[in-house]
Amino acid sequence: MASSDSNQRKIVTEFPGTIRVYDDGTVERLRDTDFVPPSISVGGGGVSSNFSARLYLPPHCHRKLPLLLYFHGGAFCISSPFCGKYHRYVSRLAAEARVVVVSFAYRLAPEHPIPAAYDDARAGIRWAVSHRAGNGPEPWSAGGNIVHNLAMAVGDPEFGLGVGLSGIALVCPYFSGSKPTESEVIHRRPGGGNMWAFVCPSSPDNDDPRINPVGPKAPSLMGLGSKRVMVIVAGEDGLRDRGRLYYEGVEKSGWKGGAEFVEIEGEGHCFHLYNLESEKAGILIKRLVAFFNGKS
């Protein structure tokens, strides 16, 4: 019996458990492909969500609330705001922090390589600011790598946004560099490969400032367009040291805002997304809630 077309295809690039690319150009994403429809969330404290850049509204709100712009993870090549783990997490953040959350979709590599995700994030914050009523509060932003790059854009006068960010929270951020850190050596996942070169073939250097914001080619972090920064890392995450280096870089840069660093010991990368009801996920969320409400 002749082999089917699918059996004749060859894998040309694979990051195990994450994504495959075949020689005919087909892209197969291996996780985070589920879709949760807009809803009144069960377990999210009555939070309602809607449309493609999903909007989360805390229940019983009769006053103006802070706005949180959220950018999901997935190494620029998988996942979406509509994936169950992000939907549940952002629903809980909205309910507990009493913030309005806009969780943005952005184009994914390899079909849309970097800088597509950054371009979409910039378009997203422009959209959010355009809907900001009068002299309402400046927005917050949460996520990882995209959040840093967005804050650098906001801090650039040529971007012309007209407002800054009240704060940015980077949770298990994806940064890299040409020289591996101790945590990368200890906790590197088999077959991890060079993800940055895959998502950004036009500039595959791991010291590109967008992926290594404290590297030799990076501009000063003094230009962050944010009043406050919180960096949260997981103790057993290969990316732990990158987050710490980022925090230290912010502190040393001469940036005038307030920075906080939190390490959740004994947990791996983005642990909170996979066990949202765990004690340590609760600790992470409480730290974020305090940050967004100016109490940390």
Protein backbone atom coordinates (compact mmCIF):
# COMPACT_ATOMS: atom_id res chain seq x y z
CA MET A 1 0.00 0.00 0.00
CA ALA A 2 1.32 3.45 -0.93
CA SER A 3 2.13 5.82 1.90
CA SER A 4 -0.19 8.76 2.45
CA ASP A 5 1.01 12.29 1.76
CA SER A 6 1.24 12.93 5.49
CA ASN A 7 3.59 9.94 5.91
CA GLN A 8 5.81 11.18 3.07
CA ARG A 9 6.37 14.56 4.65
CA LYS A 10 9.62 15.15 6.47
CA ILE A 11 10.12 17.18 9.62
CA VAL A 12 12.60 19.98 8.97
CA THR A 13 12.36 21.75 12.33
CA GLU A 14 11.03 20.50 15.64
CA PHE A 15 10.95 21.76 19.20
CA PRO A 16 9.69 18.65 21.03
CA GLY A 17 6.31 19.02 22.64
CA THR A 18 5.89 22.50 21.18
CA ILE A 19 5.96 22.80 17.38
CA ARG A 20 6.92 20.98 14.17
CA VAL A 21 7.54 22.35 10.69
CA TYR A 22 7.44 19.98 7.68
CA ASP A 23 9.22 20.23 4.36
CA ASP A 24 5.97 21.20 2.60
CA GLY A 25 5.67 24.26 4.85
CA THR A 26 2.98 22.80 7.11
CA VAL A 27 3.19 23.96 10.73
CA GLU A 28 1.92 21.64 13.47
CA ARG A 29 1.50 23.12 16.94
CA LEU A 30 1.64 20.40 19.57
CA ARG A 31 0.05 22.16 22.55
CA ASP A 32 -2.02 25.16 23.60
CA THR A 33 -4.37 24.79 20.65
CA ASP A 34 -7.61 24.54 22.65
CA PHE A 35 -10.17 27.33 22.46
CA VAL A 36 -12.35 28.64 25.28
CA PRO A 37 -15.27 30.70 23.90
CA PRO A 38 -16.24 34.08 25.36
CA SER A 39 -18.27 33.54 28.49
CA ILE A 40 -19.18 34.45 32.01
CA SER A 41 -16.32 32.44 33.47
CA VAL A 42 -16.97 29.62 35.88
CA GLY A 43 -14.42 29.87 38.69
CA GLY A 44 -13.38 33.36 37.62
CA GLY A 45 -15.56 35.29 40.03
CA GLY A 46 -18.17 36.17 37.42
CA VAL A 47 -15.64 37.74 35.05
CA SER A 48 -17.03 38.29 31.55
CA SER A 49 -14.86 38.11 28.42
CA ASN A 50 -15.38 39.04 24.80
CA PHE A 51 -13.89 39.40 21.25
CA SER A 52 -10.51 38.59 19.65
CA ALA A 53 -8.39 40.72 21.94
CA ARG A 54 -10.27 39.18 24.81
CA LEU A 55 -11.73 41.58 27.36
CA TYR A 56 -12.17 40.61 31.03
CA LEU A 57 -14.48 42.65 33.24
CA PRO A 58 -14.61 42.03 37.02
CA PRO A 59 -18.14 41.55 38.39
CA HIS A 60 -20.22 44.22 40.12
CA CYS A 61 -18.03 47.15 39.14
CA HIS A 62 -19.53 50.62 39.35
CA ARG A 63 -16.36 52.69 39.27
CA LYS A 64 -13.48 53.39 36.94
CA LEU A 65 -10.96 50.55 37.14
CA PRO A 66 -7.28 50.15 36.24
CA LEU A 67 -6.60 48.70 32.78
CA LEU A 68 -4.23 45.75 32.44
CA LEU A 69 -2.84 44.84 29.02
CA TYR A 70 -1.90 41.14 28.99
CA PHE A 71 0.33 39.35 26.47
CA HIS A 72 0.41 35.56 26.63
CA GLY A 73 3.56 33.46 26.42
CA GLY A 74 4.47 30.62 24.09
CA ALA A 75 7.90 31.59 22.71
CA PHE A 76 6.23 33.64 19.94
CA CYS A 77 5.08 30.50 18.13
CA ILE A 78 2.24 28.85 20.07
CA SER A 79 -0.79 29.66 22.20
CA SER A 80 -3.37 32.45 22.23
CA PRO A 81 -5.57 34.42 24.65
CA PHE A 82 -8.30 31.87 23.96
CA CYS A 83 -6.32 28.89 25.25
CA GLY A 84 -7.83 27.48 28.43
CA LYS A 85 -4.83 27.95 30.70
CA TYR A 86 -4.51 31.65 29.85
CA HIS A 87 -8.25 32.22 29.95
CA ARG A 88 -8.49 30.79 33.49
CA TYR A 89 -5.40 32.65 34.71
CA VAL A 90 -6.44 36.04 33.33
CA SER A 91 -10.00 35.58 34.61
CA ARG A 92 -8.63 35.07 38.10
CA LEU A 93 -6.32 38.09 37.82
CA ALA A 94 -9.21 40.30 36.73
CA ALA A 95 -11.45 39.09 39.55
CA GLU A 96 -8.88 39.29 42.37
CA ALA A 97 -7.07 42.47 41.32
CA ARG A 98 -10.31 44.23 40.31
CA VAL A 99 -8.83 45.35 36.99
CA VAL A 100 -10.16 45.38 33.46
CA VAL A 101 -7.92 43.11 31.37
CA VAL A 102 -7.42 43.15 27.62
CA SER A 103 -5.65 39.92 26.65
CA PHE A 104 -4.16 40.43 23.20
CA ALA A 105 -3.72 37.99 20.37
CA TYR A 106 -0.70 38.48 18.14
CA ARG A 107 0.63 36.81 15.03
CA LEU A 108 2.79 33.74 15.58
CA ALA A 109 6.04 32.51 14.04
CA PRO A 110 7.11 30.85 11.83
CA GLU A 111 4.28 32.04 9.56
CA HIS A 112 4.73 35.55 10.96
CA PRO A 113 8.28 35.87 12.31
CA ILE A 114 9.52 38.59 14.64
CA PRO A 115 8.88 41.55 14.57
CA ALA A 116 5.21 40.69 13.86
CA ALA A 117 4.42 40.02 17.55
CA TYR A 118 6.01 43.32 18.62
CA ASP A 119 4.20 45.23 15.87
CA ASP A 120 0.89 43.75 17.01
CA ALA A 121 1.62 44.63 20.65
CA ARG A 122 2.31 48.25 19.67
CA ALA A 123 -0.91 48.35 17.69
CA GLY A 124 -2.71 46.89 20.70
CA ILE A 125 -1.55 49.54 23.14
CA ARG A 126 -2.41 52.29 20.65
CA TRP A 127 -5.90 50.82 20.40
CA ALA A 128 -6.23 50.66 24.19
CA VAL A 129 -5.06 54.25 24.65
CA SER A 130 -7.45 55.43 21.94
CA HIS A 131 -10.32 54.10 24.09
CA ARG A 132 -8.98 55.66 27.29
CA ALA A 133 -11.57 58.11 28.58
CA GLY A 134 -10.25 61.61 29.18
CA ASN A 135 -7.71 61.68 31.98
CA GLY A 136 -8.18 58.09 33.06
CA PRO A 137 -5.34 56.17 34.72
CA GLU A 138 -2.35 54.99 32.71
CA PRO A 139 -2.51 51.28 31.82
CA TRP A 140 -0.52 48.42 33.33
CA SER A 141 1.04 45.64 31.27
CA ALA A 142 1.79 42.01 32.13
CA GLY A 143 3.39 39.07 30.36
CA GLY A 144 7.07 38.59 29.54
CA ASN A 145 9.41 39.49 26.70
CA ILE A 146 6.77 41.41 24.74
CA VAL A 147 6.00 43.53 27.78
CA HIS A 148 9.63 44.65 28.10
CA ASN A 149 9.85 45.52 24.41
CA LEU A 150 6.53 47.35 24.59
CA ALA A 151 7.72 49.39 27.58
CA MET A 152 10.88 50.35 25.68
CA ALA A 153 8.73 51.53 22.77
CA VAL A 154 6.44 53.50 25.09
CA GLY A 155 9.50 55.21 26.58
CA ASP A 156 10.67 56.36 23.14
CA PRO A 157 9.33 59.87 22.37
CA GLU A 158 9.18 58.96 18.68
CA PHE A 159 6.56 56.32 19.47
CA GLY A 160 4.25 59.22 20.30
CA LEU A 161 1.85 57.35 22.56
CA GLY A 162 1.20 60.31 24.83
CA VAL A 163 0.94 58.22 28.03
CA GLY A 164 3.25 55.95 29.94
CA LEU A 165 2.63 52.68 31.73
CA SER A 166 1.82 52.64 35.43
CA GLY A 167 3.80 49.43 35.71
CA ILE A 168 4.94 46.28 33.95
CA ALA A 169 4.98 42.75 35.38
CA LEU A 170 7.20 40.15 33.73
CA VAL A 171 6.31 36.61 34.82
CA CYS A 172 8.84 33.92 33.84
CA PRO A 173 10.02 36.13 30.96
CA TYR A 174 11.68 34.62 27.89
CA PHE A 175 15.09 36.23 27.48
CA SER A 176 18.30 34.69 26.17
CA GLY A 177 21.93 35.48 25.38
CA SER A 178 25.01 34.12 23.66
CA LYS A 179 26.54 32.90 26.93
CA PRO A 180 24.41 30.39 28.89
CA THR A 181 23.56 31.14 32.49
CA GLU A 182 23.84 28.68 35.35
CA SER A 183 20.10 28.02 35.42
CA GLU A 184 20.05 27.41 31.65
CA VAL A 185 22.81 24.81 32.00
CA ILE A 186 21.10 23.07 34.92
CA HIS A 187 17.51 23.14 33.71
CA ARG A 188 17.83 23.22 29.92
CA ARG A 189 15.12 21.10 28.34
CA PRO A 190 16.31 18.39 25.90
CA GLY A 191 15.90 19.42 22.29
CA GLY A 192 15.34 23.05 23.24
CA GLY A 193 17.52 24.28 20.39
CA ASN A 194 17.72 27.90 19.39
CA MET A 195 14.13 29.09 19.55
CA TRP A 196 15.04 32.72 18.88
CA ALA A 197 16.64 31.87 15.52
CA PHE A 198 13.47 29.96 14.64
CA VAL A 199 11.09 32.83 15.44
CA CYS A 200 13.41 35.61 14.23
CA PRO A 201 15.39 34.32 11.23
CA SER A 202 16.17 37.87 10.09
CA SER A 203 18.25 38.43 13.25
CA PRO A 204 19.07 35.05 14.82
CA ASP A 205 21.73 36.42 17.19
CA ASN A 206 20.85 35.61 20.80
CA ASP A 207 22.30 38.97 21.77
CA ASP A 208 19.71 40.83 19.71
CA PRO A 209 18.46 43.47 22.19
CA ARG A 210 14.88 42.22 21.89
CA ILE A 211 15.82 38.84 23.33
CA ASN A 212 18.80 39.96 25.45
CA PRO A 213 17.88 43.36 26.92
CA VAL A 214 21.00 43.40 29.12
CA GLY A 215 23.41 42.26 26.40
CA PRO A 216 26.22 44.18 24.73
CA LYS A 217 23.97 45.47 21.94
CA ALA A 218 21.05 46.56 24.11
CA PRO A 219 20.07 50.17 24.75
CA SER A 220 19.96 51.47 28.30
CA LEU A 221 17.02 50.28 30.36
CA MET A 222 16.76 53.83 31.64
CA GLY A 223 14.41 54.31 28.68
CA LEU A 224 11.66 52.05 30.06
CA GLY A 225 8.34 53.85 29.69
CA SER A 226 6.99 52.55 32.98
CA LYS A 227 6.84 53.83 36.55
CA ARG A 228 7.24 50.41 38.19
CA VAL A 229 8.61 46.99 37.28
CA MET A 230 7.98 43.61 38.85
CA VAL A 231 9.91 40.53 37.72
CA ILE A 232 8.70 37.10 38.89
CA VAL A 233 10.75 33.96 38.24
CA ALA A 234 10.44 30.30 39.19
CA GLY A 235 13.33 28.72 41.06
CA GLU A 236 13.54 25.58 38.89
CA ASP A 237 13.10 27.41 35.57
CA GLY A 238 15.97 27.47 33.09
CA LEU A 239 15.07 31.10 32.44
CA ARG A 240 15.35 32.07 36.13
CA ASP A 241 18.74 33.75 35.85
CA ARG A 242 17.67 35.73 32.78
CA GLY A 243 14.87 37.26 34.81
CA ARG A 244 17.26 38.09 37.65
CA LEU A 245 19.76 39.67 35.24
CA TYR A 246 16.97 41.79 33.78
CA TYR A 247 15.93 43.01 37.23
CA GLU A 248 19.54 43.81 38.13
CA GLY A 249 19.99 45.61 34.81
CA VAL A 250 16.95 47.78 35.51
CA GLU A 251 18.24 48.61 38.99
CA LYS A 252 21.70 49.58 37.70
CA SER A 253 20.50 51.54 34.67
CA GLY A 254 19.59 54.77 36.41
CA TRP A 255 15.91 54.28 35.61
CA LYS A 256 13.88 56.36 38.06
CA GLY A 257 11.05 53.93 38.81
CA GLY A 258 10.62 51.25 41.48
CA ALA A 259 11.61 47.63 40.75
CA GLU A 260 10.72 44.42 42.57
CA PHE A 261 12.06 40.89 42.17
CA VAL A 262 10.19 37.76 43.30
CA GLU A 263 11.45 34.18 43.11
CA ILE A 264 8.99 31.34 43.70
CA GLU A 265 11.17 28.49 44.89
CA GLY A 266 10.79 24.88 43.83
CA GLU A 267 8.70 25.51 40.72
CA GLY A 268 9.31 25.32 36.97
CA HIS A 269 8.58 27.59 34.05
CA CYS A 270 5.10 29.12 34.14
CA PHE A 271 4.03 26.62 36.80
CA HIS A 272 1.01 28.73 37.73
CA LEU A 273 -0.63 28.14 34.36
CA TYR A 274 -0.69 24.38 34.89
CA ASN A 275 -1.80 24.29 38.51
CA LEU A 276 -3.67 27.52 39.12
CA GLU A 277 -5.18 26.31 42.41
CA SER A 278 -1.83 25.43 43.98
CA GLU A 279 -0.52 27.28 47.01
CA LYS A 280 2.42 28.77 45.14
CA ALA A 281 0.27 29.89 42.23
CA GLY A 282 -1.83 31.66 44.85
CA ILE A 283 1.30 33.37 46.20
CA LEU A 284 2.24 34.54 42.70
CA ILE A 285 -1.23 35.94 42.06
CA LYS A 286 -1.31 37.72 45.43
CA ARG A 287 1.98 39.43 44.60
CA LEU A 288 0.60 40.55 41.24
CA VAL A 289 -2.66 41.75 42.79
CA ALA A 290 -0.73 43.83 45.34
CA PHE A 291 1.47 45.22 42.56
CA PHE A 292 -1.47 46.23 40.38
CA ASN A 293 -3.14 47.88 43.34
CA GLY A 294 -0.04 49.76 44.44
CA LYS A 295 0.31 47.82 47.69
CA SER A 296 3.55 45.90 47.09
